[in-house]
C-alpha atoms as a PDB file:
ATOM      1  CA  MET A   1     -90.887  42.902  11.794  1.00  0.00           C
ATOM      2  CA  GLY A   2     -93.121  39.864  12.174  1.00  0.00           C
ATOM      3  CA  LEU A   3     -95.455  41.086   9.444  1.00  0.00           C
ATOM      4  CA  PRO A   4     -94.915  39.932   5.852  1.00  0.00           C
ATOM      5  CA  LEU A   5     -92.664  41.998   3.587  1.00  0.00           C
ATOM      6  CA  VAL A   6     -91.699  44.473   6.328  1.00  0.00           C
ATOM      7  CA  GLU A   7     -88.399  46.242   6.027  1.00  0.00           C
ATOM      8  CA  GLU A   8     -86.841  48.373   8.758  1.00  0.00           C
ATOM      9  CA  ARG A   9     -84.828  51.401   7.646  1.00  0.00           C
ATOM     10  CA  ASP A  10     -82.657  53.820   9.521  1.00  0.00           C
ATOM     11  CA  THR A  11     -82.753  57.340   8.090  1.00  0.00           C
ATOM     12  CA  GLU A  12     -79.855  59.776   7.895  1.00  0.00           C
ATOM     13  CA  ASP A  13     -81.199  61.317  11.125  1.00  0.00           C
ATOM     14  CA  ASP A  14     -81.066  57.914  12.900  1.00  0.00           C
ATOM     15  CA  VAL A  15     -84.865  57.638  12.880  1.00  0.00           C
ATOM     16  CA  LEU A  16     -86.300  54.182  12.328  1.00  0.00           C
ATOM     17  CA  GLN A  17     -88.977  53.564   9.721  1.00  0.00           C
ATOM     18  CA  TRP A  18     -90.943  50.431   8.906  1.00  0.00           C
ATOM     19  CA  ARG A  19     -92.108  49.905   5.352  1.00  0.00           C
ATOM     20  CA  VAL A  20     -94.002  47.290   3.408  1.00  0.00           C
ATOM     21  CA  LYS A  21     -93.077  47.081  -0.279  1.00  0.00           C
ATOM     22  CA  ASP A  22     -91.391  50.474   0.144  1.00  0.00           C
ATOM     23  CA  LYS A  23     -94.573  52.074   1.568  1.00  0.00           C
ATOM     24  CA  LEU A  24     -94.091  53.763   4.922  1.00  0.00           C
ATOM     25  CA  PHE A  25     -96.588  52.657   7.563  1.00  0.00           C
ATOM     26  CA  VAL A  26     -94.957  53.295  10.972  1.00  0.00           C
ATOM     27  CA  TRP A  27     -91.980  55.448  11.934  1.00  0.00           C
ATOM     28  CA  GLU A  28     -90.280  57.081  14.877  1.00  0.00           C
ATOM     29  CA  ARG A  29     -91.249  60.755  14.965  1.00  0.00           C
ATOM     30  CA  PRO A  30     -89.307  62.975  17.340  1.00  0.00           C
ATOM     31  CA  LEU A  31     -90.972  66.357  17.752  1.00  0.00           C
ATOM     32  CA  ARG A  32     -89.504  69.215  15.756  1.00  0.00           C
ATOM     33  CA  GLN A  33     -89.252  72.796  16.977  1.00  0.00           C
ATOM     34  CA  GLY A  34     -92.425  73.736  15.075  1.00  0.00           C
ATOM     35  CA  ASP A  35     -94.291  70.842  16.672  1.00  0.00           C
ATOM     36  CA  ILE A  36     -93.181  71.873  20.148  1.00  0.00           C
ATOM     37  CA  ALA A  37     -94.185  75.476  19.501  1.00  0.00           C
ATOM     38  CA  ALA A  38     -97.616  74.383  18.244  1.00  0.00           C
ATOM     39  CA  LEU A  39     -98.235  71.967  21.137  1.00  0.00           C
ATOM     40  CA  GLY A  40     -96.943  74.263  23.858  1.00  0.00           C
ATOM     41  CA  GLU A  41     -97.071  72.787  27.347  1.00  0.00           C
ATOM     42  CA  SER A  42     -98.891  69.698  26.076  1.00  0.00           C
ATOM     43  CA  ALA A  43     -95.860  68.610  24.039  1.00  0.00           C
ATOM     44  CA  PRO A  44     -94.797  65.164  25.249  1.00  0.00           C
ATOM     45  CA  ASP A  45     -91.187  64.538  26.155  1.00  0.00           C
ATOM     46  CA  GLY A  46     -91.145  60.764  25.756  1.00  0.00           C
ATOM     47  CA  PRO A  47     -90.709  58.604  22.667  1.00  0.00           C
ATOM     48  CA  ILE A  48     -93.175  59.148  19.824  1.00  0.00           C
ATOM     49  CA  LEU A  49     -94.234  56.894  16.988  1.00  0.00           C
ATOM     50  CA  ALA A  50     -96.185  57.945  13.915  1.00  0.00           C
ATOM     51  CA  ALA A  51     -98.614  55.495  12.322  1.00  0.00           C
ATOM     52  CA  ARG A  52    -100.644  55.636   9.148  1.00  0.00           C
ATOM     53  CA  THR A  53    -104.399  55.400   9.505  1.00  0.00           C
ATOM     54  CA  PRO A  54    -106.855  54.243   6.837  1.00  0.00           C
ATOM     55  CA  ASP A  55    -108.101  57.810   6.383  1.00  0.00           C
ATOM     56  CA  VAL A  56    -108.499  61.105   8.240  1.00  0.00           C
ATOM     57  CA  GLY A  57    -111.809  59.889   9.704  1.00  0.00           C
ATOM     58  CA  ALA A  58    -110.053  56.976  11.418  1.00  0.00           C
ATOM     59  CA  LYS A  59    -107.399  59.413  12.599  1.00  0.00           C
ATOM     60  CA  ALA A  60    -110.076  61.688  14.104  1.00  0.00           C
ATOM     61  CA  ALA A  61    -111.671  58.716  15.863  1.00  0.00           C
ATOM     62  CA  LEU A  62    -108.365  57.699  17.485  1.00  0.00           C
ATOM     63  CA  LEU A  63    -107.671  61.271  18.565  1.00  0.00           C
ATOM     64  CA  ALA A  64    -111.131  61.602  20.118  1.00  0.00           C
ATOM     65  CA  ASP A  65    -111.091  58.141  21.694  1.00  0.00           C
ATOM     66  CA  ASN A  66    -107.827  58.434  23.611  1.00  0.00           C
ATOM     67  CA  PRO A  67    -106.145  61.867  23.620  1.00  0.00           C
ATOM     68  CA  LYS A  68    -103.787  60.716  26.368  1.00  0.00           C
ATOM     69  CA  VAL A  69    -102.196  58.312  23.849  1.00  0.00           C
ATOM     70  CA  TYR A  70    -102.887  59.821  20.421  1.00  0.00           C
ATOM     71  CA  PHE A  71    -102.186  63.339  19.244  1.00  0.00           C
ATOM     72  CA  THR A  72    -101.287  65.291  16.130  1.00  0.00           C
ATOM     73  CA  THR A  73     -99.553  68.474  15.076  1.00  0.00           C
ATOM     74  CA  PRO A  74    -100.330  71.013  12.358  1.00  0.00           C
ATOM     75  CA  HIS A  75     -97.690  69.285  10.205  1.00  0.00           C
ATOM     76  CA  PHE A  76    -100.040  66.283   9.947  1.00  0.00           C
ATOM     77  CA  ASP A  77    -103.244  68.252   9.235  1.00  0.00           C
ATOM     78  CA  GLY A  78    -105.117  66.539   6.401  1.00  0.00           C
ATOM     79  CA  TYR A  79    -102.723  63.574   6.463  1.00  0.00           C
ATOM     80  CA  PRO A  80    -103.930  60.105   7.552  1.00  0.00           C
ATOM     81  CA  ALA A  81    -101.498  59.498  10.411  1.00  0.00           C
ATOM     82  CA  VAL A  82    -101.487  59.857  14.178  1.00  0.00           C
ATOM     83  CA  LEU A  83     -98.703  60.438  16.638  1.00  0.00           C
ATOM     84  CA  VAL A  84     -98.491  58.044  19.571  1.00  0.00           C
ATOM     85  CA  ARG A  85     -97.048  58.581  23.025  1.00  0.00           C
ATOM     86  CA  LEU A  86     -95.250  55.260  23.354  1.00  0.00           C
ATOM     87  CA  ASP A  87     -95.004  55.467  27.127  1.00  0.00           C
ATOM     88  CA  GLU A  88     -98.818  55.818  27.361  1.00  0.00           C
ATOM     89  CA  ILE A  89    -100.075  53.090  25.011  1.00  0.00           C
ATOM     90  CA  GLU A  90    -100.769  49.509  26.039  1.00  0.00           C
ATOM     91  CA  VAL A  91     -98.740  46.890  24.163  1.00  0.00           C
ATOM     92  CA  LYS A  92    -101.860  45.185  22.789  1.00  0.00           C
ATOM     93  CA  GLU A  93    -103.260  48.468  21.469  1.00  0.00           C
ATOM     94  CA  LEU A  94     -99.904  49.354  19.896  1.00  0.00           C
ATOM     95  CA  ALA A  95     -99.781  45.973  18.168  1.00  0.00           C
ATOM     96  CA  GLU A  96    -103.291  46.518  16.781  1.00  0.00           C
ATOM     97  CA  LEU A  97    -102.356  49.998  15.558  1.00  0.00           C
ATOM     98  CA  VAL A  98     -99.238  48.700  13.799  1.00  0.00           C
ATOM     99  CA  VAL A  99    -101.150  45.848  12.138  1.00  0.00           C
ATOM    100  CA  GLU A 100    -103.873  48.239  10.952  1.00  0.00           C
ATOM    101  CA  ALA A 101    -101.250  50.606   9.561  1.00  0.00           C
ATOM    102  CA  TRP A 102     -99.547  47.682   7.812  1.00  0.00           C
ATOM    103  CA  LEU A 103    -102.848  46.374   6.392  1.00  0.00           C
ATOM    104  CA  GLY A 104    -103.517  49.770   4.846  1.00  0.00           C
ATOM    105  CA  ARG A 105    -100.194  49.799   3.000  1.00  0.00           C
ATOM    106  CA  ALA A 106     -99.524  46.115   2.243  1.00  0.00           C
ATOM    107  CA  PRO A 107    -100.399  44.620  -1.143  1.00  0.00           C
ATOM    108  CA  ARG A 108    -104.018  43.448  -1.056  1.00  0.00           C
ATOM    109  CA  ARG A 109    -103.148  39.829  -1.779  1.00  0.00           C
ATOM    110  CA  VAL A 110    -100.609  39.737   1.075  1.00  0.00           C
ATOM    111  CA  ALA A 111    -102.976  41.471   3.503  1.00  0.00           C
ATOM    112  CA  LYS A 112    -105.814  39.121   2.597  1.00  0.00           C
ATOM    113  CA  GLN A 113    -103.592  36.077   3.160  1.00  0.00           C
ATOM    114  CA  TYR A 114    -102.363  37.475   6.481  1.00  0.00           C
ATOM    115  CA  LEU A 115    -105.948  37.933   7.703  1.00  0.00           C
ATOM    116  CA  ALA A 116    -106.958  34.451   6.513  1.00  0.00           C
ATOM    117  CA  ASP A 117    -103.986  32.897   8.347  1.00  0.00           C
ATOM    118  CA  ARG A 118    -104.980  34.620  11.606  1.00  0.00           C
ATOM    119  CA  ARG A 119    -108.428  32.994  11.733  1.00  0.00           C
END
């Protein structure tokens, strides 16, 4: 919520979403039955967050870099987003992931100003 223009929404299913200018960039993502079936025994039972990535290449890099933290399901095949095991990710890494997701969805002018202010 500390990022410019961020709005938190609660869906009908009581799932929180964070948007910038109505563009979804991070959201809670409980596993669905199809996800659990696809993941089998590797399906996590803790809280899960979904985060947009710049593209599917960045998604692949995160998945390869730290499979203990990042994962995906067939539902997200071809979609630039990763699923995150919240009880496995370090706070600093989570903050970086959220900022990167926000930067990819925020208006360019706002993102540019945010980066300039951080220097």
